[in-house]
Protein backbone atom coordinates (compact mmCIF):
# COMPACT_ATOMS: atom_id res chain seq x y z
CA UNK A 1 38.07 -49.97 53.52
CA UNK A 2 40.39 -47.00 53.24
CA UNK A 3 38.45 -43.75 53.19
CA UNK A 4 39.89 -40.55 51.74
CA UNK A 5 42.86 -42.33 50.15
CA UNK A 6 43.31 -41.81 46.42
CA UNK A 7 45.20 -44.09 44.06
CA UNK A 8 48.47 -42.48 42.95
CA UNK A 9 50.17 -45.18 40.86
CA UNK A 10 51.22 -48.82 40.68
CA UNK A 11 54.91 -49.38 41.35
CA UNK A 12 56.75 -52.25 39.64
CA UNK A 13 60.26 -51.37 40.84
CA UNK A 14 61.25 -52.20 44.42
CA UNK A 15 64.07 -49.63 44.44
CA UNK A 16 61.70 -46.86 43.33
CA UNK A 17 59.22 -47.90 46.01
CA UNK A 18 61.95 -47.80 48.66
CA UNK A 19 62.85 -44.24 47.66
CA UNK A 20 59.18 -43.22 47.55
CA UNK A 21 58.60 -44.56 51.07
CA UNK A 22 61.68 -42.75 52.36
CA UNK A 23 60.55 -39.45 50.78
CA UNK A 24 56.94 -39.77 51.96
CA UNK A 25 58.00 -40.62 55.51
CA UNK A 26 60.50 -37.76 55.56
CA UNK A 27 57.76 -35.27 54.60
CA UNK A 28 55.21 -36.85 57.02
CA UNK A 29 52.78 -37.67 54.22
CA UNK A 30 49.91 -40.02 55.01
CA UNK A 31 49.98 -42.94 52.54
CA UNK A 32 49.05 -46.59 52.25
CA UNK A 33 50.64 -49.41 50.24
CA UNK A 34 48.59 -52.26 48.79
CA UNK A 35 50.50 -55.35 47.68
CA UNK A 36 49.00 -56.48 44.36
CA UNK A 37 51.05 -59.67 44.01
CA UNK A 38 48.80 -62.66 43.65
CA UNK A 39 50.14 -66.13 44.18
CA UNK A 40 49.10 -68.31 41.35
CA UNK A 41 50.16 -70.06 38.21
CA UNK A 42 51.05 -66.89 36.31
CA UNK A 43 54.54 -66.54 37.80
CA UNK A 44 57.12 -69.14 38.81
CA UNK A 45 57.59 -69.41 42.59
CA UNK A 46 61.00 -67.73 42.59
CA UNK A 47 60.20 -65.01 40.07
CA UNK A 48 60.84 -61.42 41.04
CA UNK A 49 57.39 -60.15 40.08
CA UNK A 50 56.66 -57.01 42.06
CA UNK A 51 53.50 -54.89 42.04
CA UNK A 52 52.39 -52.42 44.74
CA UNK A 53 49.69 -49.74 44.60
CA UNK A 54 50.53 -46.43 46.27
CA UNK A 55 47.55 -44.61 47.77
CA UNK A 56 47.84 -41.09 49.19
CA UNK A 57 45.49 -39.42 51.67
CA UNK A 58 43.50 -36.61 50.08
CA UNK A 59 44.94 -33.94 52.42
CA UNK A 60 48.50 -34.78 51.32
CA UNK A 61 47.86 -35.63 47.66
CA UNK A 62 49.15 -32.39 46.10
CA UNK A 63 52.25 -32.33 48.27
CA UNK A 64 52.98 -35.99 47.50
CA UNK A 65 52.46 -35.41 43.78
CA UNK A 66 55.21 -32.80 43.63
CA UNK A 67 57.62 -35.10 45.49
CA UNK A 68 56.83 -38.33 43.67
CA UNK A 69 56.69 -36.90 40.15
CA UNK A 70 60.41 -36.11 40.24
CA UNK A 71 61.27 -39.53 41.64
CA UNK A 72 59.24 -41.39 39.02
CA UNK A 73 60.83 -39.36 36.21
CA UNK A 74 64.27 -40.28 37.55
CA UNK A 75 63.45 -44.01 37.35
CA UNK A 76 61.84 -43.98 33.90
CA UNK A 77 63.84 -45.96 31.38
CA UNK A 78 65.65 -43.91 28.77
CA UNK A 79 63.83 -44.33 25.48
CA UNK A 80 65.85 -43.83 22.33
CA UNK A 81 63.90 -42.61 19.30
């Protein structure tokens, strides 16, 4: 079990996750990734379903939040009202 790691968010975009990993590594932030993909009948074998939980160590949580908030905003889809 991972102690002192707090859930940050679930990532559904592999490109966003790649950028997050790069940024977290660059700033020497302690994090853990948990692959949430479950093999089963819900998705075809060759589907591109992607789901990863990002957990951040409590000592780095505030620092990671400032870095990742900007990245997540950049990847949000543009919603037209």
